[in-house]
């Protein structure tokens, strides 16, 4: 299964660990809303973003990490 995950630079600058292609990561992924990214990457690319990574929790009741890749 292939996923497209949006990773905000500020999350990584704050407290993220660097990663590179082929690395194993464990992230909390939240379902992405394409409207949140359309202004940044355009509607076509935004439609392909499946999840966004969240270092700081999604608030009360946030789901546990979904993927370990």
PDB file of N, CA and C in Angstrom:
ATOM      1  N   UNK A   1       0.848  -1.169   0.000  1.00  0.00           N
ATOM      2  CA  UNK A   1       0.000   0.000   0.000  1.00  0.00           C
ATOM      3  C   UNK A   1       0.893   1.231   0.000  1.00  0.00           C
ATOM      4  N   UNK A   2       0.556   2.178  -0.819  1.00  0.00           N
ATOM      5  CA  UNK A   2       1.312   3.422  -0.908  1.00  0.00           C
ATOM      6  C   UNK A   2       0.419   4.563  -0.443  1.00  0.00           C
ATOM      7  N   UNK A   3       0.969   5.396   0.458  1.00  0.00           N
ATOM      8  CA  UNK A   3       0.253   6.557   0.990  1.00  0.00           C
ATOM      9  C   UNK A   3       1.055   7.814   0.724  1.00  0.00           C
ATOM     10  N   UNK A   4       0.348   8.914   0.571  1.00  0.00           N
ATOM     11  CA  UNK A   4       1.000  10.220   0.506  1.00  0.00           C
ATOM     12  C   UNK A   4       0.706  10.930   1.813  1.00  0.00           C
ATOM     13  N   UNK A   5       1.773  11.296   2.530  1.00  0.00           N
ATOM     14  CA  UNK A   5       1.659  11.905   3.851  1.00  0.00           C
ATOM     15  C   UNK A   5       2.263  13.305   3.817  1.00  0.00           C
ATOM     16  N   UNK A   6       1.514  14.281   4.286  1.00  0.00           N
ATOM     17  CA  UNK A   6       1.991  15.661   4.402  1.00  0.00           C
ATOM     18  C   UNK A   6       2.689  15.805   5.749  1.00  0.00           C
ATOM     19  N   UNK A   7       3.916  16.321   5.711  1.00  0.00           N
ATOM     20  CA  UNK A   7       4.677  16.557   6.936  1.00  0.00           C
ATOM     21  C   UNK A   7       5.039  18.045   6.969  1.00  0.00           C
ATOM     22  N   UNK A   8       4.471  18.778   7.927  1.00  0.00           N
ATOM     23  CA  UNK A   8       4.776  20.205   8.060  1.00  0.00           C
ATOM     24  C   UNK A   8       6.200  20.394   8.554  1.00  0.00           C
ATOM     25  N   UNK A   9       6.912  21.331   7.945  1.00  0.00           N
ATOM     26  CA  UNK A   9       8.297  21.573   8.352  1.00  0.00           C
ATOM     27  C   UNK A   9       8.397  22.030   9.802  1.00  0.00           C
ATOM     28  N   UNK A  10       7.422  22.797  10.275  1.00  0.00           N
ATOM     29  CA  UNK A  10       7.512  23.294  11.659  1.00  0.00           C
ATOM     30  C   UNK A  10       7.424  22.155  12.669  1.00  0.00           C
ATOM     31  N   UNK A  11       6.683  21.103  12.342  1.00  0.00           N
ATOM     32  CA  UNK A  11       6.592  19.963  13.249  1.00  0.00           C
ATOM     33  C   UNK A  11       7.957  19.282  13.367  1.00  0.00           C
ATOM     34  N   UNK A  12       8.641  19.148  12.253  1.00  0.00           N
ATOM     35  CA  UNK A  12       9.949  18.496  12.259  1.00  0.00           C
ATOM     36  C   UNK A  12      10.993  19.393  12.917  1.00  0.00           C
ATOM     37  N   UNK A  13      10.924  20.696  12.698  1.00  0.00           N
ATOM     38  CA  UNK A  13      11.876  21.630  13.303  1.00  0.00           C
ATOM     39  C   UNK A  13      11.712  21.659  14.812  1.00  0.00           C
ATOM     40  N   UNK A  14      10.481  21.541  15.269  1.00  0.00           N
ATOM     41  CA  UNK A  14      10.182  21.618  16.690  1.00  0.00           C
ATOM     42  C   UNK A  14      10.737  20.406  17.434  1.00  0.00           C
ATOM     43  N   UNK A  15      10.342  19.219  17.015  1.00  0.00           N
ATOM     44  CA  UNK A  15      10.736  18.053  17.802  1.00  0.00           C
ATOM     45  C   UNK A  15      10.767  16.772  16.988  1.00  0.00           C
ATOM     46  N   UNK A  16      10.879  16.886  15.689  1.00  0.00           N
ATOM     47  CA  UNK A  16      10.910  15.698  14.847  1.00  0.00           C
ATOM     48  C   UNK A  16      12.320  15.178  14.657  1.00  0.00           C
ATOM     49  N   UNK A  17      12.403  13.908  14.302  1.00  0.00           N
ATOM     50  CA  UNK A  17      13.676  13.296  13.973  1.00  0.00           C
ATOM     51  C   UNK A  17      13.786  13.241  12.457  1.00  0.00           C
ATOM     52  N   UNK A  18      14.987  13.522  11.946  1.00  0.00           N
ATOM     53  CA  UNK A  18      15.185  13.477  10.511  1.00  0.00           C
ATOM     54  C   UNK A  18      14.897  12.087   9.958  1.00  0.00           C
ATOM     55  N   UNK A  19      14.533  12.026   8.676  1.00  0.00           N
ATOM     56  CA  UNK A  19      14.260  10.755   8.021  1.00  0.00           C
ATOM     57  C   UNK A  19      14.633  10.884   6.558  1.00  0.00           C
ATOM     58  N   UNK A  20      14.813   9.769   5.925  1.00  0.00           N
ATOM     59  CA  UNK A  20      15.169   9.723   4.513  1.00  0.00           C
ATOM     60  C   UNK A  20      14.430   8.551   3.872  1.00  0.00           C
ATOM     61  N   UNK A  21      14.353   8.526   2.542  1.00  0.00           N
ATOM     62  CA  UNK A  21      13.702   7.393   1.880  1.00  0.00           C
ATOM     63  C   UNK A  21      14.297   6.069   2.369  1.00  0.00           C
ATOM     64  N   UNK A  22      13.417   5.126   2.668  1.00  0.00           N
ATOM     65  CA  UNK A  22      13.833   3.820   3.141  1.00  0.00           C
ATOM     66  C   UNK A  22      13.910   3.691   4.647  1.00  0.00           C
ATOM     67  N   UNK A  23      13.849   4.824   5.376  1.00  0.00           N
ATOM     68  CA  UNK A  23      13.869   4.779   6.844  1.00  0.00           C
ATOM     69  C   UNK A  23      12.554   4.224   7.382  1.00  0.00           C
ATOM     70  N   UNK A  24      12.621   3.628   8.559  1.00  0.00           N
ATOM     71  CA  UNK A  24      11.427   3.183   9.259  1.00  0.00           C
ATOM     72  C   UNK A  24      10.991   4.307  10.191  1.00  0.00           C
ATOM     73  N   UNK A  25       9.727   4.697  10.107  1.00  0.00           N
ATOM     74  CA  UNK A  25       9.193   5.765  10.950  1.00  0.00           C
ATOM     75  C   UNK A  25       7.921   5.281  11.635  1.00  0.00           C
ATOM     76  N   UNK A  26       7.603   5.898  12.754  1.00  0.00           N
ATOM     77  CA  UNK A  26       6.354   5.626  13.452  1.00  0.00           C
ATOM     78  C   UNK A  26       5.715   6.981  13.728  1.00  0.00           C
ATOM     79  N   UNK A  27       4.648   7.271  13.041  1.00  0.00           N
ATOM     80  CA  UNK A  27       4.004   8.569  13.111  1.00  0.00           C
ATOM     81  C   UNK A  27       2.528   8.424  13.431  1.00  0.00           C
ATOM     82  N   UNK A  28       1.970   9.470  14.040  1.00  0.00           N
ATOM     83  CA  UNK A  28       0.524   9.550  14.179  1.00  0.00           C
ATOM     84  C   UNK A  28       0.014  10.224  12.914  1.00  0.00           C
ATOM     85  N   UNK A  29      -0.845   9.542  12.199  1.00  0.00           N
ATOM     86  CA  UNK A  29      -1.389  10.067  10.953  1.00  0.00           C
ATOM     87  C   UNK A  29      -2.863  10.372  11.122  1.00  0.00           C
ATOM     88  N   UNK A  30      -3.232  11.549  10.671  1.00  0.00           N
ATOM     89  CA  UNK A  30      -4.631  11.960  10.683  1.00  0.00           C
ATOM     90  C   UNK A  30      -5.077  12.148   9.237  1.00  0.00           C
ATOM     91  N   UNK A  31      -6.308  11.798   8.957  1.00  0.00           N
ATOM     92  CA  UNK A  31      -6.815  11.918   7.593  1.00  0.00           C
ATOM     93  C   UNK A  31      -6.722  13.365   7.129  1.00  0.00           C
ATOM     94  N   UNK A  32      -6.220  13.552   5.912  1.00  0.00           N
ATOM     95  CA  UNK A  32      -6.033  14.897   5.362  1.00  0.00           C
ATOM     96  C   UNK A  32      -7.294  15.374   4.655  1.00  0.00           C
ATOM     97  N   UNK A  33      -7.527  16.673   4.735  1.00  0.00           N
ATOM     98  CA  UNK A  33      -8.592  17.325   3.980  1.00  0.00           C
ATOM     99  C   UNK A  33      -7.915  18.068   2.832  1.00  0.00           C
ATOM    100  N   UNK A  34      -8.137  17.671   1.584  1.00  0.00           N
ATOM    101  CA  UNK A  34      -7.465  18.304   0.453  1.00  0.00           C
ATOM    102  C   UNK A  34      -7.606  19.823   0.417  1.00  0.00           C
ATOM    103  N   UNK A  35      -8.699  20.355   0.933  1.00  0.00           N
ATOM    104  CA  UNK A  35      -8.880  21.807   0.945  1.00  0.00           C
ATOM    105  C   UNK A  35      -7.805  22.513   1.765  1.00  0.00           C
ATOM    106  N   UNK A  36      -7.241  21.816   2.761  1.00  0.00           N
ATOM    107  CA  UNK A  36      -6.211  22.416   3.595  1.00  0.00           C
ATOM    108  C   UNK A  36      -4.904  22.639   2.846  1.00  0.00           C
ATOM    109  N   UNK A  37      -4.707  21.965   1.729  1.00  0.00           N
ATOM    110  CA  UNK A  37      -3.425  22.005   1.017  1.00  0.00           C
ATOM    111  C   UNK A  37      -3.534  22.574  -0.396  1.00  0.00           C
ATOM    112  N   UNK A  38      -4.740  22.818  -0.872  1.00  0.00           N
ATOM    113  CA  UNK A  38      -4.945  23.280  -2.245  1.00  0.00           C
ATOM    114  C   UNK A  38      -4.235  24.598  -2.533  1.00  0.00           C
ATOM    115  N   UNK A  39      -4.219  25.524  -1.569  1.00  0.00           N
ATOM    116  CA  UNK A  39      -3.546  26.810  -1.789  1.00  0.00           C
ATOM    117  C   UNK A  39      -2.037  26.665  -1.862  1.00  0.00           C
ATOM    118  N   UNK A  40      -1.509  25.600  -1.267  1.00  0.00           N
ATOM    119  CA  UNK A  40      -0.062  25.396  -1.223  1.00  0.00           C
ATOM    120  C   UNK A  40       0.439  24.630  -2.445  1.00  0.00           C
ATOM    121  N   UNK A  41      -0.248  23.545  -2.808  1.00  0.00           N
ATOM    122  CA  UNK A  41       0.248  22.676  -3.883  1.00  0.00           C
ATOM    123  C   UNK A  41      -0.701  22.568  -5.072  1.00  0.00           C
ATOM    124  N   UNK A  42      -1.829  23.237  -5.019  1.00  0.00           N
ATOM    125  CA  UNK A  42      -2.814  23.145  -6.093  1.00  0.00           C
ATOM    126  C   UNK A  42      -3.804  22.029  -5.823  1.00  0.00           C
ATOM    127  N   UNK A  43      -4.969  22.152  -6.419  1.00  0.00           N
ATOM    128  CA  UNK A  43      -6.052  21.203  -6.153  1.00  0.00           C
ATOM    129  C   UNK A  43      -5.713  19.777  -6.569  1.00  0.00           C
ATOM    130  N   UNK A  44      -5.042  19.609  -7.710  1.00  0.00           N
ATOM    131  CA  UNK A  44      -4.755  18.257  -8.204  1.00  0.00           C
ATOM    132  C   UNK A  44      -3.822  17.505  -7.262  1.00  0.00           C
ATOM    133  N   UNK A  45      -2.717  18.130  -6.847  1.00  0.00           N
ATOM    134  CA  UNK A  45      -1.789  17.467  -5.927  1.00  0.00           C
ATOM    135  C   UNK A  45      -2.415  17.290  -4.551  1.00  0.00           C
ATOM    136  N   UNK A  46      -3.164  18.284  -4.097  1.00  0.00           N
ATOM    137  CA  UNK A  46      -3.800  18.202  -2.776  1.00  0.00           C
ATOM    138  C   UNK A  46      -4.756  17.013  -2.702  1.00  0.00           C
ATOM    139  N   UNK A  47      -5.418  16.710  -3.788  1.00  0.00           N
ATOM    140  CA  UNK A  47      -6.359  15.586  -3.810  1.00  0.00           C
ATOM    141  C   UNK A  47      -5.654  14.249  -3.558  1.00  0.00           C
ATOM    142  N   UNK A  48      -4.343  14.195  -3.795  1.00  0.00           N
ATOM    143  CA  UNK A  48      -3.585  12.964  -3.597  1.00  0.00           C
ATOM    144  C   UNK A  48      -2.979  12.808  -2.216  1.00  0.00           C
ATOM    145  N   UNK A  49      -3.154  13.794  -1.331  1.00  0.00           N
ATOM    146  CA  UNK A  49      -2.610  13.705   0.029  1.00  0.00           C
ATOM    147  C   UNK A  49      -3.591  12.912   0.879  1.00  0.00           C
ATOM    148  N   UNK A  50      -3.129  11.761   1.374  1.00  0.00           N
ATOM    149  CA  UNK A  50      -4.008  10.871   2.134  1.00  0.00           C
ATOM    150  C   UNK A  50      -4.096  11.238   3.609  1.00  0.00           C
ATOM    151  N   UNK A  51      -2.949  11.537   4.221  1.00  0.00           N
ATOM    152  CA  UNK A  51      -2.870  11.794   5.657  1.00  0.00           C
ATOM    153  C   UNK A  51      -1.907  12.935   5.921  1.00  0.00           C
ATOM    154  N   UNK A  52      -1.991  13.513   7.121  1.00  0.00           N
ATOM    155  CA  UNK A  52      -0.952  14.439   7.570  1.00  0.00           C
ATOM    156  C   UNK A  52      -0.415  13.926   8.889  1.00  0.00           C
ATOM    157  N   UNK A  53       0.881  14.137   9.083  1.00  0.00           N
ATOM    158  CA  UNK A  53       1.575  13.676  10.282  1.00  0.00           C
ATOM    159  C   UNK A  53       1.377  14.697  11.392  1.00  0.00           C
ATOM    160  N   UNK A  54       1.144  14.224  12.608  1.00  0.00           N
ATOM    161  CA  UNK A  54       0.869  15.114  13.739  1.00  0.00           C
ATOM    162  C   UNK A  54       1.702  14.701  14.939  1.00  0.00           C
ATOM    163  N   UNK A  55       2.744  15.494  15.229  1.00  0.00           N
ATOM    164  CA  UNK A  55       3.622  15.238  16.377  1.00  0.00           C
ATOM    165  C   UNK A  55       2.955  15.610  17.697  1.00  0.00           C
ATOM    166  N   UNK A  56       2.078  16.586  17.676  1.00  0.00           N
ATOM    167  CA  UNK A  56       1.600  17.201  18.905  1.00  0.00           C
ATOM    168  C   UNK A  56       0.197  16.770  19.297  1.00  0.00           C
ATOM    169  N   UNK A  57      -0.245  15.669  18.759  1.00  0.00           N
ATOM    170  CA  UNK A  57      -1.569  15.159  19.127  1.00  0.00           C
ATOM    171  C   UNK A  57      -2.668  15.895  18.401  1.00  0.00           C
ATOM    172  N   UNK A  58      -3.731  15.201  18.183  1.00  0.00           N
ATOM    173  CA  UNK A  58      -4.867  15.782  17.479  1.00  0.00           C
ATOM    174  C   UNK A  58      -5.933  16.276  18.422  1.00  0.00           C
ATOM    175  N   UNK A  59      -5.586  16.430  19.691  1.00  0.00           N
ATOM    176  CA  UNK A  59      -6.569  16.872  20.661  1.00  0.00           C
ATOM    177  C   UNK A  59      -7.191  15.688  21.368  1.00  0.00           C
ATOM    178  N   UNK A  60      -8.113  15.980  22.236  1.00  0.00           N
ATOM    179  CA  UNK A  60      -8.773  14.933  23.018  1.00  0.00           C
ATOM    180  C   UNK A  60      -9.472  13.941  22.097  1.00  0.00           C
ATOM    181  N   UNK A  61      -9.284  12.681  22.371  1.00  0.00           N
ATOM    182  CA  UNK A  61      -9.918  11.655  21.568  1.00  0.00           C
ATOM    183  C   UNK A  61      -9.224  11.375  20.253  1.00  0.00           C
ATOM    184  N   UNK A  62      -8.002  11.901  20.077  1.00  0.00           N
ATOM    185  CA  UNK A  62      -7.277  11.674  18.830  1.00  0.00           C
ATOM    186  C   UNK A  62      -6.976  10.187  18.677  1.00  0.00           C
ATOM    187  N   UNK A  63      -6.966   9.717  17.456  1.00  0.00           N
ATOM    188  CA  UNK A  63      -6.695   8.295  17.241  1.00  0.00           C
ATOM    189  C   UNK A  63      -5.238   7.962  17.544  1.00  0.00           C
ATOM    190  N   UNK A  64      -4.960   6.712  17.855  1.00  0.00           N
ATOM    191  CA  UNK A  64      -3.580   6.295  18.063  1.00  0.00           C
ATOM    192  C   UNK A  64      -2.839   6.297  16.729  1.00  0.00           C
ATOM    193  N   UNK A  65      -1.514   6.141  16.757  1.00  0.00           N
ATOM    194  CA  UNK A  65      -0.788   6.061  15.482  1.00  0.00           C
ATOM    195  C   UNK A  65      -1.398   4.986  14.594  1.00  0.00           C
ATOM    196  N   UNK A  66      -1.504   5.304  13.309  1.00  0.00           N
ATOM    197  CA  UNK A  66      -2.153   4.395  12.389  1.00  0.00           C
ATOM    198  C   UNK A  66      -1.168   3.518  11.621  1.00  0.00           C
ATOM    199  N   UNK A  67       0.020   4.018  11.383  1.00  0.00           N
ATOM    200  CA  UNK A  67       0.937   3.320  10.490  1.00  0.00           C
ATOM    201  C   UNK A  67       2.339   3.309  11.048  1.00  0.00           C
ATOM    202  N   UNK A  68       2.986   2.222  10.830  1.00  0.00           N
ATOM    203  CA  UNK A  68       4.437   2.132  11.053  1.00  0.00           C
ATOM    204  C   UNK A  68       5.000   1.668   9.737  1.00  0.00           C
ATOM    205  N   UNK A  69       5.761   2.529   9.065  1.00  0.00           N
ATOM    206  CA  UNK A  69       6.253   2.258   7.717  1.00  0.00           C
ATOM    207  C   UNK A  69       7.765   2.190   7.703  1.00  0.00           C
TER     208      UNK A  69
END
